[in-house]
Amino acid sequence: MQEYIPLKDYAIKNKISFFNAMKLAKSGKVETITKEVNGKEQVFVKANSKANLPKQKKEPTIKELIEEIEELKKRVKYLENKIM
């Protein structure tokens, strides 16, 4: 028998928001079943379901941030000179 976990637990396990887990379930990207628990319908997700979750961007390094700041300063200076 396949193990199914509640949608909330699936979101926590995969480190995604509950809203994103709900979207995955509704779009059919993860295998789900609906059961009635205490008179309410509840969605359960197959425990080992893996959807193609978007990759998180890596954190920029200090050097990259400094370079970006310098580039923005140049652009601001250029625009200030252009309007004066």
C-alpha atoms as a PDB file:
ATOM      1  CA  MET A   1       0.000   0.000   0.000  1.00  0.00           C
ATOM      2  CA  GLN A   2       1.206   3.472  -0.894  1.00  0.00           C
ATOM      3  CA  GLU A   3       1.804   5.915   1.922  1.00  0.00           C
ATOM      4  CA  TYR A   4      -0.056   9.202   1.651  1.00  0.00           C
ATOM      5  CA  ILE A   5       0.537  12.278   3.805  1.00  0.00           C
ATOM      6  CA  PRO A   6      -1.618  15.371   4.364  1.00  0.00           C
ATOM      7  CA  LEU A   7      -0.999  18.307   2.043  1.00  0.00           C
ATOM      8  CA  LYS A   8       0.373  20.435   4.883  1.00  0.00           C
ATOM      9  CA  ASP A   9       2.950  17.783   5.794  1.00  0.00           C
ATOM     10  CA  TYR A  10       3.935  17.453   2.120  1.00  0.00           C
ATOM     11  CA  ALA A  11       4.578  21.200   1.955  1.00  0.00           C
ATOM     12  CA  ILE A  12       6.736  21.096   5.092  1.00  0.00           C
ATOM     13  CA  LYS A  13       8.651  18.015   3.915  1.00  0.00           C
ATOM     14  CA  ASN A  14       9.491  19.622   0.547  1.00  0.00           C
ATOM     15  CA  LYS A  15      10.092  23.114   1.985  1.00  0.00           C
ATOM     16  CA  ILE A  16       7.466  24.799  -0.138  1.00  0.00           C
ATOM     17  CA  SER A  17       4.498  26.943   0.805  1.00  0.00           C
ATOM     18  CA  PHE A  18       1.142  25.331   1.456  1.00  0.00           C
ATOM     19  CA  PHE A  19      -0.244  27.383  -1.443  1.00  0.00           C
ATOM     20  CA  ASN A  20       2.339  25.934  -3.854  1.00  0.00           C
ATOM     21  CA  ALA A  21       1.624  22.415  -2.598  1.00  0.00           C
ATOM     22  CA  MET A  22      -2.081  22.999  -3.240  1.00  0.00           C
ATOM     23  CA  LYS A  23      -1.313  24.223  -6.772  1.00  0.00           C
ATOM     24  CA  LEU A  24       0.746  21.086  -7.455  1.00  0.00           C
ATOM     25  CA  ALA A  25      -2.079  18.887  -6.214  1.00  0.00           C
ATOM     26  CA  LYS A  26      -4.801  20.680  -8.201  1.00  0.00           C
ATOM     27  CA  SER A  27      -2.741  20.699 -11.408  1.00  0.00           C
ATOM     28  CA  GLY A  28      -2.108  16.959 -11.114  1.00  0.00           C
ATOM     29  CA  LYS A  29       1.672  17.273 -10.923  1.00  0.00           C
ATOM     30  CA  VAL A  30       1.733  15.093  -7.794  1.00  0.00           C
ATOM     31  CA  GLU A  31      -0.331  11.986  -7.104  1.00  0.00           C
ATOM     32  CA  THR A  32      -3.175  12.699  -4.665  1.00  0.00           C
ATOM     33  CA  ILE A  33      -6.212  11.100  -3.104  1.00  0.00           C
ATOM     34  CA  THR A  34      -9.113  12.701  -1.272  1.00  0.00           C
ATOM     35  CA  LYS A  35     -10.434  11.164   1.931  1.00  0.00           C
ATOM     36  CA  GLU A  36     -13.136  12.193   4.336  1.00  0.00           C
ATOM     37  CA  VAL A  37     -11.690  12.883   7.801  1.00  0.00           C
ATOM     38  CA  ASN A  38     -13.976  13.969  10.638  1.00  0.00           C
ATOM     39  CA  GLY A  39     -16.709  14.849   8.150  1.00  0.00           C
ATOM     40  CA  LYS A  40     -14.425  17.028   5.988  1.00  0.00           C
ATOM     41  CA  GLU A  41     -12.731  16.199   2.716  1.00  0.00           C
ATOM     42  CA  GLN A  42      -8.949  16.300   3.005  1.00  0.00           C
ATOM     43  CA  VAL A  43      -6.321  15.983   0.270  1.00  0.00           C
ATOM     44  CA  PHE A  44      -3.459  13.534   0.767  1.00  0.00           C
ATOM     45  CA  VAL A  45      -0.329  13.432  -1.382  1.00  0.00           C
ATOM     46  CA  LYS A  46       1.735  10.355  -2.129  1.00  0.00           C
ATOM     47  CA  ALA A  47       4.649  10.588   0.319  1.00  0.00           C
ATOM     48  CA  ASN A  48       7.386   9.990  -2.242  1.00  0.00           C
ATOM     49  CA  SER A  49       5.885  12.246  -4.958  1.00  0.00           C
ATOM     50  CA  LYS A  50       8.372  14.663  -6.405  1.00  0.00           C
ATOM     51  CA  ALA A  51       7.217  17.439  -8.679  1.00  0.00           C
ATOM     52  CA  ASN A  52       9.598  19.438 -10.792  1.00  0.00           C
ATOM     53  CA  LEU A  53       9.906  22.274  -8.329  1.00  0.00           C
ATOM     54  CA  PRO A  54      11.593  25.449  -9.536  1.00  0.00           C
ATOM     55  CA  LYS A  55      15.227  25.685  -8.530  1.00  0.00           C
ATOM     56  CA  GLN A  56      15.971  28.404  -6.045  1.00  0.00           C
ATOM     57  CA  LYS A  57      18.485  30.982  -7.155  1.00  0.00           C
ATOM     58  CA  LYS A  58      21.817  30.917  -5.416  1.00  0.00           C
ATOM     59  CA  GLU A  59      22.679  33.731  -3.044  1.00  0.00           C
ATOM     60  CA  PRO A  60      24.815  36.437  -4.699  1.00  0.00           C
ATOM     61  CA  THR A  61      28.320  36.856  -3.366  1.00  0.00           C
ATOM     62  CA  ILE A  62      29.560  40.081  -1.771  1.00  0.00           C
ATOM     63  CA  LYS A  63      31.734  40.701  -4.842  1.00  0.00           C
ATOM     64  CA  GLU A  64      28.740  40.367  -7.174  1.00  0.00           C
ATOM     65  CA  LEU A  65      26.688  42.750  -5.036  1.00  0.00           C
ATOM     66  CA  ILE A  66      29.479  45.346  -4.974  1.00  0.00           C
ATOM     67  CA  GLU A  67      29.818  45.124  -8.766  1.00  0.00           C
ATOM     68  CA  GLU A  68      26.073  45.574  -9.188  1.00  0.00           C
ATOM     69  CA  ILE A  69      26.072  48.606  -6.865  1.00  0.00           C
ATOM     70  CA  GLU A  70      28.930  50.193  -8.829  1.00  0.00           C
ATOM     71  CA  GLU A  71      27.091  49.598 -12.104  1.00  0.00           C
ATOM     72  CA  LEU A  72      23.932  51.175 -10.686  1.00  0.00           C
ATOM     73  CA  LYS A  73      25.906  54.181  -9.420  1.00  0.00           C
ATOM     74  CA  LYS A  74      27.298  54.683 -12.944  1.00  0.00           C
ATOM     75  CA  ARG A  75      23.819  54.518 -14.427  1.00  0.00           C
ATOM     76  CA  VAL A  76      22.425  56.999 -11.894  1.00  0.00           C
ATOM     77  CA  LYS A  77      25.303  59.413 -12.558  1.00  0.00           C
ATOM     78  CA  TYR A  78      24.770  59.102 -16.320  1.00  0.00           C
ATOM     79  CA  LEU A  79      21.034  59.809 -15.978  1.00  0.00           C
ATOM     80  CA  GLU A  80      21.642  62.766 -13.647  1.00  0.00           C
ATOM     81  CA  ASN A  81      24.058  64.281 -16.167  1.00  0.00           C
ATOM     82  CA  LYS A  82      21.600  63.653 -18.979  1.00  0.00           C
ATOM     83  CA  ILE A  83      18.759  65.633 -17.344  1.00  0.00           C
ATOM     84  CA  MET A  84      20.908  68.548 -16.211  1.00  0.00           C
END
